[in-house]
């Protein structure tokens, strides 16, 4: 018996297209569908769910404060822990550098596809490849990785988290409450981030403006 397939997407017509694509490549499996992060958390965490063969996830979903869920990545991390053999593909809108880097480091999905890169025929082929054991990144994802390879290598998890927290309004003096690093270490990293973004000096607002311009947030 085939293991279930899980779909997280907040638009029903999109989930229907995924199901039709899977049927067109002769995949027979129970489809577990969630239209919100909270519902996804409940279904993935259920003791009655004993396995998954594939998860198709949208990255950009309305946040859920109840379980501190901010995006499809949070659901993917739960799936990686509970069902390490499951294949994960993200099919989403355009991803920022920060979002892409976080996905690669924290989930390492078998597929990442930006919706503008794909039509229905492509979707069928991509799903078939991933279910067969291949890894697939769409053209836009490959281009982003190539263009930003040096930046993303420098922007390790802590530097990316600093940018993310600043964008959420966390003051520099409070960053050590969120990160395993001292305040002096925070200031040193911020100086390096500004150098990478070609900012000689300036406020956090300028840093965030340039980070947005270069796609890190």
N, C-alpha and C. Protein backbone atom coordinates (compact mmCIF):
# COMPACT_ATOMS: atom_id res chain seq x y z
N UNK A 1 0.84 -1.20 0.00
CA UNK A 1 0.00 0.00 0.00
C UNK A 1 0.88 1.25 0.00
N UNK A 2 0.56 2.21 -0.87
CA UNK A 2 1.33 3.45 -0.92
C UNK A 2 1.07 4.30 0.31
N UNK A 3 2.12 4.93 0.80
CA UNK A 3 1.97 5.85 1.91
C UNK A 3 1.24 7.10 1.46
N UNK A 4 0.62 7.84 2.39
CA UNK A 4 -0.13 9.05 2.02
C UNK A 4 0.77 10.15 1.46
N UNK A 5 0.11 11.09 0.79
CA UNK A 5 0.76 12.30 0.30
C UNK A 5 0.10 13.48 0.98
N UNK A 6 0.94 14.39 1.49
CA UNK A 6 0.43 15.55 2.22
C UNK A 6 0.58 16.81 1.37
N UNK A 7 -0.46 17.63 1.34
CA UNK A 7 -0.44 18.87 0.56
C UNK A 7 -0.80 20.04 1.48
N UNK A 8 0.07 21.04 1.51
CA UNK A 8 -0.21 22.27 2.26
C UNK A 8 -0.27 23.42 1.26
N UNK A 9 -1.44 24.01 1.12
CA UNK A 9 -1.66 25.09 0.15
C UNK A 9 -2.95 25.79 0.53
N UNK A 10 -2.97 27.12 0.50
CA UNK A 10 -4.16 27.83 0.96
C UNK A 10 -5.15 28.17 -0.17
N UNK A 11 -4.94 27.61 -1.36
CA UNK A 11 -5.89 27.80 -2.45
C UNK A 11 -6.34 26.44 -2.97
N UNK A 12 -7.66 26.20 -2.93
CA UNK A 12 -8.19 24.89 -3.29
C UNK A 12 -7.91 24.55 -4.75
N UNK A 13 -8.00 25.54 -5.65
CA UNK A 13 -7.78 25.22 -7.07
C UNK A 13 -6.36 24.75 -7.32
N UNK A 14 -5.40 25.20 -6.48
CA UNK A 14 -4.01 24.75 -6.63
C UNK A 14 -3.88 23.31 -6.12
N UNK A 15 -4.49 23.01 -4.98
CA UNK A 15 -4.43 21.64 -4.47
C UNK A 15 -5.08 20.68 -5.48
N UNK A 16 -6.16 21.12 -6.11
CA UNK A 16 -6.81 20.26 -7.12
C UNK A 16 -5.87 19.97 -8.28
N UNK A 17 -5.06 20.98 -8.68
CA UNK A 17 -4.12 20.76 -9.79
C UNK A 17 -3.03 19.78 -9.38
N UNK A 18 -2.60 19.82 -8.12
CA UNK A 18 -1.61 18.85 -7.64
C UNK A 18 -2.18 17.44 -7.70
N UNK A 19 -3.42 17.29 -7.25
CA UNK A 19 -4.04 15.97 -7.24
C UNK A 19 -4.19 15.44 -8.67
N UNK A 20 -4.62 16.31 -9.60
CA UNK A 20 -4.76 15.88 -11.00
C UNK A 20 -3.41 15.48 -11.59
N UNK A 21 -2.36 16.24 -11.25
CA UNK A 21 -1.02 15.92 -11.75
C UNK A 21 -0.55 14.57 -11.24
N UNK A 22 -0.78 14.30 -9.95
CA UNK A 22 -0.39 13.02 -9.37
C UNK A 22 -1.18 11.87 -10.01
N UNK A 23 -2.46 12.09 -10.25
CA UNK A 23 -3.28 11.06 -10.90
C UNK A 23 -2.80 10.81 -12.34
N UNK A 24 -2.35 11.87 -13.02
CA UNK A 24 -1.92 11.73 -14.41
C UNK A 24 -0.64 10.91 -14.54
N UNK A 25 0.15 10.84 -13.45
CA UNK A 25 1.36 10.01 -13.48
C UNK A 25 1.13 8.71 -12.71
N UNK A 26 -0.14 8.36 -12.55
CA UNK A 26 -0.57 7.06 -11.99
C UNK A 26 -0.16 6.86 -10.53
N UNK A 27 -0.18 7.94 -9.75
CA UNK A 27 0.08 7.83 -8.32
C UNK A 27 -1.24 7.59 -7.60
N UNK A 28 -1.32 6.49 -6.88
CA UNK A 28 -2.51 6.16 -6.10
C UNK A 28 -2.13 6.21 -4.63
N UNK A 29 -2.68 7.17 -3.93
CA UNK A 29 -2.36 7.33 -2.51
C UNK A 29 -3.44 8.15 -1.84
N UNK A 30 -3.56 8.02 -0.54
CA UNK A 30 -4.44 8.89 0.23
C UNK A 30 -3.88 10.31 0.21
N UNK A 31 -4.72 11.28 -0.06
CA UNK A 31 -4.31 12.68 -0.09
C UNK A 31 -4.75 13.36 1.21
N UNK A 32 -3.77 13.86 1.95
CA UNK A 32 -4.07 14.61 3.17
C UNK A 32 -3.82 16.07 2.87
N UNK A 33 -4.87 16.89 2.98
CA UNK A 33 -4.80 18.28 2.53
C UNK A 33 -5.03 19.23 3.70
N UNK A 34 -4.19 20.25 3.78
CA UNK A 34 -4.37 21.31 4.76
C UNK A 34 -4.34 22.66 4.07
N UNK A 35 -5.22 23.55 4.52
CA UNK A 35 -5.29 24.89 3.96
C UNK A 35 -4.76 25.95 4.93
N UNK A 36 -4.23 25.51 6.07
CA UNK A 36 -3.67 26.44 7.04
C UNK A 36 -2.53 25.76 7.80
N UNK A 37 -1.65 26.55 8.39
CA UNK A 37 -0.53 26.00 9.15
C UNK A 37 -1.01 25.26 10.38
N UNK A 38 -2.03 25.77 11.06
CA UNK A 38 -2.50 25.12 12.27
C UNK A 38 -3.10 23.75 11.95
N UNK A 39 -3.88 23.67 10.88
CA UNK A 39 -4.44 22.38 10.48
C UNK A 39 -3.34 21.41 10.07
N UNK A 40 -2.33 21.93 9.37
CA UNK A 40 -1.20 21.09 8.97
C UNK A 40 -0.48 20.54 10.19
N UNK A 41 -0.25 21.40 11.17
CA UNK A 41 0.42 20.97 12.40
C UNK A 41 -0.37 19.84 13.07
N UNK A 42 -1.68 20.01 13.15
CA UNK A 42 -2.54 19.00 13.80
C UNK A 42 -2.46 17.67 13.06
N UNK A 43 -2.55 17.71 11.73
CA UNK A 43 -2.57 16.46 10.95
C UNK A 43 -1.21 15.77 10.93
N UNK A 44 -0.14 16.55 10.79
CA UNK A 44 1.19 15.95 10.76
C UNK A 44 1.57 15.38 12.12
N UNK A 45 1.10 16.02 13.19
CA UNK A 45 1.45 15.57 14.54
C UNK A 45 0.57 14.43 15.03
N UNK A 46 -0.47 14.09 14.29
CA UNK A 46 -1.41 13.06 14.73
C UNK A 46 -0.73 11.72 14.91
N UNK A 47 -1.09 11.06 15.99
CA UNK A 47 -0.51 9.73 16.27
C UNK A 47 -1.00 8.68 15.28
N UNK A 48 -2.10 8.98 14.59
CA UNK A 48 -2.64 8.01 13.64
C UNK A 48 -1.95 8.08 12.28
N UNK A 49 -1.14 9.12 12.05
CA UNK A 49 -0.42 9.23 10.79
C UNK A 49 0.90 8.48 10.91
N UNK A 50 1.03 7.37 10.21
CA UNK A 50 2.17 6.48 10.39
C UNK A 50 3.25 6.61 9.33
N UNK A 51 3.04 7.47 8.36
CA UNK A 51 4.06 7.63 7.33
C UNK A 51 3.61 8.56 6.23
N UNK A 52 4.57 9.11 5.49
CA UNK A 52 4.30 9.92 4.31
C UNK A 52 5.30 9.53 3.23
N UNK A 53 4.86 9.53 1.98
CA UNK A 53 5.82 9.32 0.89
C UNK A 53 6.24 10.64 0.28
N UNK A 54 5.36 11.67 0.36
CA UNK A 54 5.64 12.95 -0.28
C UNK A 54 4.86 14.04 0.42
N UNK A 55 5.49 15.21 0.55
CA UNK A 55 4.81 16.41 1.04
C UNK A 55 5.02 17.52 0.02
N UNK A 56 3.93 18.12 -0.44
CA UNK A 56 3.98 19.26 -1.36
C UNK A 56 3.55 20.48 -0.55
N UNK A 57 4.47 21.42 -0.36
CA UNK A 57 4.23 22.51 0.57
C UNK A 57 4.35 23.87 -0.09
N UNK A 58 3.45 24.77 0.29
CA UNK A 58 3.60 26.18 -0.06
C UNK A 58 4.40 26.84 1.06
N UNK A 59 5.35 27.69 0.68
CA UNK A 59 6.16 28.37 1.71
C UNK A 59 5.37 29.48 2.38
N UNK A 60 4.74 30.33 1.59
CA UNK A 60 4.08 31.53 2.13
C UNK A 60 2.65 31.19 2.54
N UNK A 61 2.45 31.08 3.85
CA UNK A 61 1.14 30.79 4.41
C UNK A 61 0.87 31.77 5.55
N UNK A 62 -0.40 32.11 5.81
CA UNK A 62 -0.70 32.97 6.96
C UNK A 62 -0.16 32.37 8.25
N UNK A 63 0.53 33.19 9.04
CA UNK A 63 1.17 32.70 10.27
C UNK A 63 0.13 32.22 11.29
N UNK A 64 0.57 31.33 12.17
CA UNK A 64 -0.28 30.79 13.23
C UNK A 64 0.44 30.98 14.56
N UNK A 65 -0.05 31.89 15.39
CA UNK A 65 0.60 32.17 16.67
C UNK A 65 0.45 31.02 17.66
N UNK A 66 -0.62 30.22 17.50
CA UNK A 66 -0.91 29.16 18.47
C UNK A 66 0.27 28.22 18.65
N UNK A 67 0.88 27.80 17.58
CA UNK A 67 2.02 26.88 17.67
C UNK A 67 3.30 27.51 17.13
N UNK A 68 3.32 28.84 17.08
CA UNK A 68 4.49 29.60 16.62
C UNK A 68 4.92 29.16 15.22
N UNK A 69 3.95 29.08 14.32
CA UNK A 69 4.21 28.66 12.95
C UNK A 69 4.17 29.89 12.05
N UNK A 70 5.25 30.07 11.26
CA UNK A 70 5.35 31.28 10.44
C UNK A 70 5.28 31.00 8.94
N UNK A 71 5.61 29.78 8.54
CA UNK A 71 5.63 29.47 7.11
C UNK A 71 5.60 27.95 6.92
N UNK A 72 5.55 27.56 5.65
CA UNK A 72 5.58 26.13 5.35
C UNK A 72 6.87 25.45 5.80
N UNK A 73 7.93 26.24 5.97
CA UNK A 73 9.19 25.65 6.44
C UNK A 73 9.03 25.02 7.82
N UNK A 74 8.22 25.64 8.68
CA UNK A 74 8.03 25.09 10.03
C UNK A 74 7.35 23.72 9.97
N UNK A 75 6.42 23.56 9.04
CA UNK A 75 5.78 22.25 8.86
C UNK A 75 6.78 21.25 8.28
N UNK A 76 7.61 21.71 7.35
CA UNK A 76 8.61 20.82 6.74
C UNK A 76 9.59 20.28 7.78
N UNK A 77 9.98 21.11 8.74
CA UNK A 77 10.92 20.67 9.77
C UNK A 77 10.29 19.58 10.65
N UNK A 78 9.00 19.70 10.91
CA UNK A 78 8.31 18.66 11.67
C UNK A 78 8.27 17.36 10.87
N UNK A 79 7.99 17.48 9.57
CA UNK A 79 7.96 16.30 8.71
C UNK A 79 9.33 15.63 8.65
N UNK A 80 10.40 16.42 8.54
CA UNK A 80 11.76 15.87 8.50
C UNK A 80 12.06 15.08 9.76
N UNK A 81 11.57 15.56 10.90
CA UNK A 81 11.83 14.88 12.17
C UNK A 81 10.99 13.62 12.32
N UNK A 82 9.72 13.72 11.98
CA UNK A 82 8.80 12.60 12.21
C UNK A 82 8.86 11.56 11.09
N UNK A 83 9.05 12.03 9.85
CA UNK A 83 9.06 11.12 8.69
C UNK A 83 10.30 11.40 7.84
N UNK A 84 11.48 11.01 8.32
CA UNK A 84 12.72 11.35 7.62
C UNK A 84 12.83 10.77 6.22
N UNK A 85 12.06 9.74 5.90
CA UNK A 85 12.12 9.14 4.56
C UNK A 85 11.21 9.84 3.57
N UNK A 86 10.35 10.72 4.05
CA UNK A 86 9.42 11.41 3.14
C UNK A 86 10.16 12.39 2.25
N UNK A 87 9.71 12.51 1.01
CA UNK A 87 10.25 13.49 0.09
C UNK A 87 9.46 14.79 0.23
N UNK A 88 10.16 15.92 0.18
CA UNK A 88 9.52 17.22 0.37
C UNK A 88 9.80 18.10 -0.84
N UNK A 89 8.74 18.70 -1.36
CA UNK A 89 8.89 19.67 -2.44
C UNK A 89 8.15 20.95 -2.05
N UNK A 90 8.82 22.08 -2.22
CA UNK A 90 8.18 23.37 -2.03
C UNK A 90 7.80 23.92 -3.40
N UNK A 91 6.54 24.25 -3.56
CA UNK A 91 6.06 24.94 -4.76
C UNK A 91 5.46 26.24 -4.26
N UNK A 92 6.14 27.35 -4.54
CA UNK A 92 5.76 28.59 -3.89
C UNK A 92 5.98 29.78 -4.81
N UNK A 93 5.57 30.94 -4.33
CA UNK A 93 5.85 32.19 -5.03
C UNK A 93 7.35 32.46 -4.94
N UNK A 94 7.78 33.58 -5.51
CA UNK A 94 9.20 33.91 -5.49
C UNK A 94 9.73 33.94 -4.07
N UNK A 95 10.88 33.32 -3.85
CA UNK A 95 11.51 33.24 -2.54
C UNK A 95 12.64 34.24 -2.44
N UNK A 96 12.76 34.90 -1.29
CA UNK A 96 13.89 35.78 -1.06
C UNK A 96 15.14 34.95 -0.82
N UNK A 97 16.30 35.58 -0.90
CA UNK A 97 17.55 34.88 -0.59
C UNK A 97 17.53 34.29 0.81
N UNK A 98 16.99 35.07 1.75
CA UNK A 98 16.92 34.61 3.13
C UNK A 98 16.06 33.37 3.26
N UNK A 99 14.90 33.38 2.62
CA UNK A 99 13.99 32.23 2.68
C UNK A 99 14.61 31.00 2.01
N UNK A 100 15.25 31.22 0.87
CA UNK A 100 15.87 30.10 0.16
C UNK A 100 17.01 29.50 0.96
N UNK A 101 17.87 30.35 1.52
CA UNK A 101 18.99 29.85 2.31
C UNK A 101 18.50 29.08 3.53
N UNK A 102 17.44 29.59 4.16
CA UNK A 102 16.89 28.92 5.34
C UNK A 102 16.33 27.54 4.97
N UNK A 103 15.63 27.46 3.84
CA UNK A 103 15.10 26.17 3.39
C UNK A 103 16.21 25.16 3.14
N UNK A 104 17.27 25.60 2.47
CA UNK A 104 18.36 24.69 2.14
C UNK A 104 19.07 24.20 3.40
N UNK A 105 19.25 25.07 4.38
CA UNK A 105 19.98 24.70 5.60
C UNK A 105 19.14 23.90 6.56
N UNK A 106 17.85 24.25 6.69
CA UNK A 106 17.02 23.65 7.73
C UNK A 106 16.18 22.47 7.26
N UNK A 107 15.92 22.38 5.96
CA UNK A 107 15.05 21.31 5.45
C UNK A 107 15.75 20.47 4.39
N UNK A 108 16.52 21.12 3.51
CA UNK A 108 17.16 20.45 2.37
C UNK A 108 16.13 19.63 1.58
N UNK A 109 15.11 20.30 1.03
CA UNK A 109 14.05 19.57 0.34
C UNK A 109 14.51 18.93 -0.95
N UNK A 110 13.77 17.93 -1.37
CA UNK A 110 14.07 17.25 -2.64
C UNK A 110 13.70 18.11 -3.84
N UNK A 111 12.84 19.10 -3.63
CA UNK A 111 12.44 19.97 -4.73
C UNK A 111 12.10 21.36 -4.24
N UNK A 112 12.51 22.38 -5.00
CA UNK A 112 12.08 23.75 -4.76
C UNK A 112 11.72 24.35 -6.11
N UNK A 113 10.47 24.75 -6.24
CA UNK A 113 9.98 25.27 -7.51
C UNK A 113 9.25 26.58 -7.26
N UNK A 114 9.66 27.62 -7.98
CA UNK A 114 8.91 28.88 -7.94
C UNK A 114 7.81 28.83 -8.98
N UNK A 115 6.61 29.18 -8.60
CA UNK A 115 5.44 29.02 -9.46
C UNK A 115 5.58 29.67 -10.84
N UNK A 116 6.23 30.84 -10.95
CA UNK A 116 6.39 31.41 -12.30
C UNK A 116 7.23 30.54 -13.25
N UNK A 117 8.02 29.61 -12.69
CA UNK A 117 8.87 28.75 -13.52
C UNK A 117 8.14 27.52 -14.05
N UNK A 118 6.86 27.34 -13.72
CA UNK A 118 6.24 26.04 -13.91
C UNK A 118 4.85 26.17 -14.51
N UNK A 119 4.52 25.26 -15.44
CA UNK A 119 3.13 25.09 -15.87
C UNK A 119 2.67 23.69 -15.49
N UNK A 120 1.45 23.33 -15.86
CA UNK A 120 0.90 22.04 -15.43
C UNK A 120 1.72 20.86 -15.95
N UNK A 121 2.16 20.94 -17.21
CA UNK A 121 2.97 19.85 -17.76
C UNK A 121 4.27 19.69 -17.01
N UNK A 122 4.90 20.83 -16.66
CA UNK A 122 6.13 20.78 -15.89
C UNK A 122 5.88 20.11 -14.54
N UNK A 123 4.77 20.46 -13.91
CA UNK A 123 4.44 19.91 -12.60
C UNK A 123 4.39 18.39 -12.63
N UNK A 124 3.78 17.82 -13.63
CA UNK A 124 3.69 16.36 -13.74
C UNK A 124 5.08 15.74 -13.83
N UNK A 125 5.93 16.33 -14.65
CA UNK A 125 7.29 15.80 -14.81
C UNK A 125 8.10 15.95 -13.52
N UNK A 126 7.96 17.10 -12.86
CA UNK A 126 8.71 17.35 -11.62
C UNK A 126 8.31 16.36 -10.54
N UNK A 127 7.01 16.15 -10.37
CA UNK A 127 6.54 15.21 -9.34
C UNK A 127 7.02 13.80 -9.64
N UNK A 128 7.00 13.42 -10.90
CA UNK A 128 7.48 12.08 -11.28
C UNK A 128 8.96 11.93 -10.96
N UNK A 129 9.76 12.93 -11.26
CA UNK A 129 11.19 12.88 -10.98
C UNK A 129 11.47 12.75 -9.48
N UNK A 130 10.78 13.55 -8.69
CA UNK A 130 11.03 13.54 -7.25
C UNK A 130 10.60 12.22 -6.63
N UNK A 131 9.46 11.70 -7.05
CA UNK A 131 9.01 10.41 -6.53
C UNK A 131 9.95 9.28 -6.95
N UNK A 132 10.66 9.48 -8.07
CA UNK A 132 11.62 8.47 -8.54
C UNK A 132 12.97 8.59 -7.85
N UNK A 133 13.12 9.60 -7.01
CA UNK A 133 14.36 9.73 -6.25
C UNK A 133 15.27 10.86 -6.69
N UNK A 134 14.86 11.65 -7.68
CA UNK A 134 15.68 12.77 -8.13
C UNK A 134 15.47 14.00 -7.24
N UNK A 135 16.38 14.96 -7.38
CA UNK A 135 16.25 16.26 -6.74
C UNK A 135 16.03 17.29 -7.85
N UNK A 136 15.09 18.20 -7.65
CA UNK A 136 14.77 19.16 -8.70
C UNK A 136 14.64 20.57 -8.14
N UNK A 137 15.44 21.49 -8.68
CA UNK A 137 15.30 22.92 -8.41
C UNK A 137 14.96 23.61 -9.72
N UNK A 138 13.97 24.50 -9.71
CA UNK A 138 13.56 25.15 -10.94
C UNK A 138 14.60 26.17 -11.40
N UNK A 139 14.42 26.67 -12.62
CA UNK A 139 15.42 27.55 -13.23
C UNK A 139 15.67 28.80 -12.39
N UNK A 140 14.60 29.37 -11.85
CA UNK A 140 14.77 30.56 -11.02
C UNK A 140 15.58 30.31 -9.78
N UNK A 141 15.40 29.14 -9.18
CA UNK A 141 16.16 28.79 -7.98
C UNK A 141 17.63 28.61 -8.33
N UNK A 142 17.92 27.91 -9.43
CA UNK A 142 19.31 27.74 -9.86
C UNK A 142 19.98 29.10 -10.12
N UNK A 143 19.26 30.00 -10.75
CA UNK A 143 19.82 31.32 -11.06
C UNK A 143 20.14 32.08 -9.78
N UNK A 144 19.22 32.04 -8.81
CA UNK A 144 19.46 32.72 -7.54
C UNK A 144 20.68 32.16 -6.83
N UNK A 145 20.80 30.84 -6.81
CA UNK A 145 21.93 30.21 -6.14
C UNK A 145 23.25 30.58 -6.81
N UNK A 146 23.26 30.61 -8.13
CA UNK A 146 24.48 30.96 -8.85
C UNK A 146 24.87 32.42 -8.64
N UNK A 147 23.89 33.31 -8.70
CA UNK A 147 24.16 34.74 -8.57
C UNK A 147 24.60 35.12 -7.17
N UNK A 148 24.14 34.37 -6.19
CA UNK A 148 24.38 34.77 -4.80
C UNK A 148 25.24 33.77 -4.03
N UNK A 149 25.96 32.92 -4.75
CA UNK A 149 26.73 31.87 -4.08
C UNK A 149 27.68 32.45 -3.04
N UNK A 150 28.44 33.48 -3.41
CA UNK A 150 29.40 34.06 -2.47
C UNK A 150 28.71 34.70 -1.28
N UNK A 151 27.62 35.40 -1.53
CA UNK A 151 26.90 36.06 -0.45
C UNK A 151 26.30 35.04 0.51
N UNK A 152 25.68 34.00 -0.06
CA UNK A 152 25.02 33.03 0.79
C UNK A 152 26.03 32.23 1.61
N UNK A 153 27.23 32.01 1.07
CA UNK A 153 28.25 31.33 1.85
C UNK A 153 28.67 32.18 3.04
N UNK A 154 28.76 33.52 2.81
CA UNK A 154 29.13 34.40 3.91
C UNK A 154 27.98 34.56 4.90
N UNK A 155 26.78 34.61 4.37
CA UNK A 155 25.61 34.81 5.22
C UNK A 155 25.26 33.51 5.92
N UNK A 156 26.02 33.16 6.95
CA UNK A 156 25.73 31.93 7.68
C UNK A 156 24.42 32.10 8.45
N UNK A 157 24.02 31.05 9.15
CA UNK A 157 22.72 31.03 9.81
C UNK A 157 22.56 32.17 10.80
N UNK A 158 23.63 32.51 11.53
CA UNK A 158 23.54 33.57 12.53
C UNK A 158 23.38 34.93 11.86
N UNK A 159 24.17 35.20 10.80
CA UNK A 159 24.04 36.48 10.10
C UNK A 159 22.65 36.64 9.50
N UNK A 160 22.14 35.56 8.91
CA UNK A 160 20.80 35.61 8.35
C UNK A 160 19.75 35.86 9.43
N UNK A 161 19.96 35.25 10.60
CA UNK A 161 19.02 35.43 11.70
C UNK A 161 19.08 36.86 12.23
N UNK A 162 20.26 37.46 12.24
CA UNK A 162 20.37 38.86 12.66
C UNK A 162 19.52 39.75 11.76
N UNK A 163 19.66 39.56 10.45
CA UNK A 163 18.86 40.35 9.51
C UNK A 163 17.38 40.11 9.73
N UNK A 164 17.00 38.84 9.90
CA UNK A 164 15.59 38.51 10.10
C UNK A 164 15.03 39.18 11.35
N UNK A 165 15.78 39.10 12.46
CA UNK A 165 15.30 39.68 13.72
C UNK A 165 15.21 41.19 13.64
N UNK A 166 16.20 41.82 13.01
CA UNK A 166 16.15 43.28 12.84
C UNK A 166 14.93 43.68 12.01
N UNK A 167 14.62 42.88 11.00
CA UNK A 167 13.46 43.18 10.15
C UNK A 167 12.15 43.03 10.91
N UNK A 168 12.18 42.24 12.00
CA UNK A 168 11.00 42.05 12.83
C UNK A 168 10.88 43.09 13.93
N UNK A 169 11.84 44.03 13.96
CA UNK A 169 11.79 45.11 14.93
C UNK A 169 12.54 44.86 16.23
N UNK A 170 13.30 43.78 16.30
CA UNK A 170 14.10 43.51 17.51
C UNK A 170 15.30 44.44 17.55
N UNK A 171 15.49 45.14 18.65
CA UNK A 171 16.60 46.08 18.79
C UNK A 171 17.92 45.33 18.91
N UNK A 172 18.99 45.95 18.43
CA UNK A 172 20.32 45.31 18.47
C UNK A 172 20.68 44.87 19.88
N UNK A 173 20.41 45.72 20.87
CA UNK A 173 20.78 45.40 22.25
C UNK A 173 20.08 44.15 22.78
N UNK A 174 18.95 43.79 22.14
CA UNK A 174 18.19 42.62 22.59
C UNK A 174 18.49 41.36 21.78
N UNK A 175 19.31 41.47 20.74
CA UNK A 175 19.61 40.31 19.90
C UNK A 175 20.26 39.15 20.66
N UNK A 176 21.14 39.42 21.67
CA UNK A 176 21.71 38.29 22.42
C UNK A 176 20.67 37.43 23.13
N UNK A 177 19.44 37.98 23.32
CA UNK A 177 18.37 37.17 23.92
C UNK A 177 17.85 36.12 22.96
N UNK A 178 18.14 36.28 21.67
CA UNK A 178 17.64 35.38 20.64
C UNK A 178 18.74 34.52 20.02
N UNK A 179 20.00 34.90 20.22
CA UNK A 179 21.11 34.25 19.53
C UNK A 179 22.21 33.86 20.52
N UNK A 180 22.94 32.79 20.25
CA UNK A 180 24.02 32.34 21.16
C UNK A 180 25.31 33.12 20.92
N UNK A 181 25.24 34.44 21.09
CA UNK A 181 26.38 35.29 20.79
C UNK A 181 26.27 36.57 21.61
N UNK A 182 27.43 37.13 22.01
CA UNK A 182 27.44 38.33 22.85
C UNK A 182 27.07 39.57 22.05
N UNK A 183 26.81 40.67 22.75
CA UNK A 183 26.47 41.92 22.08
C UNK A 183 27.64 42.42 21.24
N UNK A 184 28.86 42.29 21.76
CA UNK A 184 30.02 42.72 20.98
C UNK A 184 30.15 41.87 19.71
N UNK A 185 29.85 40.58 19.82
CA UNK A 185 29.87 39.71 18.65
C UNK A 185 28.80 40.10 17.64
N UNK A 186 27.65 40.54 18.15
CA UNK A 186 26.58 41.03 17.27
C UNK A 186 27.06 42.23 16.47
N UNK A 187 27.70 43.17 17.15
CA UNK A 187 28.17 44.38 16.48
C UNK A 187 29.22 44.03 15.40
N UNK A 188 30.10 43.08 15.69
CA UNK A 188 31.11 42.68 14.70
C UNK A 188 30.44 42.06 13.47
N UNK A 189 29.45 41.22 13.71
CA UNK A 189 28.75 40.58 12.60
C UNK A 189 27.96 41.62 11.79
N UNK A 190 27.36 42.58 12.46
CA UNK A 190 26.63 43.62 11.73
C UNK A 190 27.58 44.43 10.85
N UNK A 191 28.79 44.67 11.33
CA UNK A 191 29.77 45.40 10.53
C UNK A 191 30.12 44.60 9.27
N UNK A 192 30.28 43.28 9.42
CA UNK A 192 30.59 42.43 8.27
C UNK A 192 29.41 42.36 7.30
N UNK A 193 28.20 42.30 7.84
CA UNK A 193 27.01 42.29 6.99
C UNK A 193 26.93 43.57 6.16
N UNK A 194 27.20 44.72 6.81
CA UNK A 194 27.18 46.00 6.10
C UNK A 194 28.25 46.04 5.01
N UNK A 195 29.41 45.48 5.30
CA UNK A 195 30.48 45.45 4.29
C UNK A 195 30.05 44.62 3.09
N UNK A 196 29.41 43.47 3.36
CA UNK A 196 28.94 42.62 2.28
C UNK A 196 27.88 43.32 1.43
N UNK A 197 27.04 44.11 2.09
CA UNK A 197 25.96 44.82 1.40
C UNK A 197 26.45 46.15 0.82
N UNK A 198 27.76 46.42 0.96
CA UNK A 198 28.38 47.64 0.45
C UNK A 198 27.83 48.89 1.14
N UNK A 199 27.66 48.77 2.46
CA UNK A 199 27.25 49.90 3.28
C UNK A 199 28.42 50.24 4.20
N UNK A 200 29.00 51.43 4.05
CA UNK A 200 30.14 51.81 4.88
C UNK A 200 29.73 52.07 6.32
N UNK A 201 28.60 52.69 6.51
CA UNK A 201 28.07 52.98 7.84
C UNK A 201 26.58 53.22 7.68
N UNK A 202 25.94 53.56 8.78
CA UNK A 202 24.52 53.86 8.67
C UNK A 202 23.68 53.09 9.67
N UNK A 203 22.41 53.40 9.66
CA UNK A 203 21.47 52.84 10.63
C UNK A 203 21.01 51.44 10.23
N UNK A 204 20.27 50.83 11.15
CA UNK A 204 19.68 49.53 10.85
C UNK A 204 18.67 49.65 9.70
N UNK A 205 18.01 50.81 9.62
CA UNK A 205 17.04 51.01 8.54
C UNK A 205 17.73 50.92 7.18
N UNK A 206 18.93 51.51 7.08
CA UNK A 206 19.68 51.45 5.82
C UNK A 206 20.12 50.02 5.53
N UNK A 207 20.57 49.32 6.57
CA UNK A 207 20.97 47.91 6.40
C UNK A 207 19.80 47.09 5.87
N UNK A 208 18.61 47.28 6.48
CA UNK A 208 17.44 46.50 6.08
C UNK A 208 16.98 46.89 4.67
N UNK A 209 17.09 48.18 4.34
CA UNK A 209 16.71 48.63 3.00
C UNK A 209 17.57 47.94 1.94
N UNK A 210 18.89 47.87 2.18
CA UNK A 210 19.78 47.24 1.23
C UNK A 210 19.58 45.72 1.22
N UNK A 211 19.32 45.12 2.40
CA UNK A 211 19.06 43.69 2.47
C UNK A 211 17.82 43.32 1.66
N UNK A 212 16.79 44.16 1.73
CA UNK A 212 15.58 43.92 0.93
C UNK A 212 15.90 44.07 -0.56
N UNK A 213 16.66 45.09 -0.88
CA UNK A 213 17.00 45.35 -2.28
C UNK A 213 17.76 44.17 -2.88
N UNK A 214 18.62 43.52 -2.08
CA UNK A 214 19.42 42.41 -2.57
C UNK A 214 18.76 41.05 -2.35
N UNK A 215 17.55 41.07 -1.82
CA UNK A 215 16.77 39.83 -1.76
C UNK A 215 16.98 38.98 -0.53
N UNK A 216 17.62 39.52 0.51
CA UNK A 216 17.82 38.71 1.72
C UNK A 216 16.58 38.68 2.59
N UNK A 217 15.69 39.65 2.44
CA UNK A 217 14.40 39.67 3.14
C UNK A 217 13.33 40.17 2.18
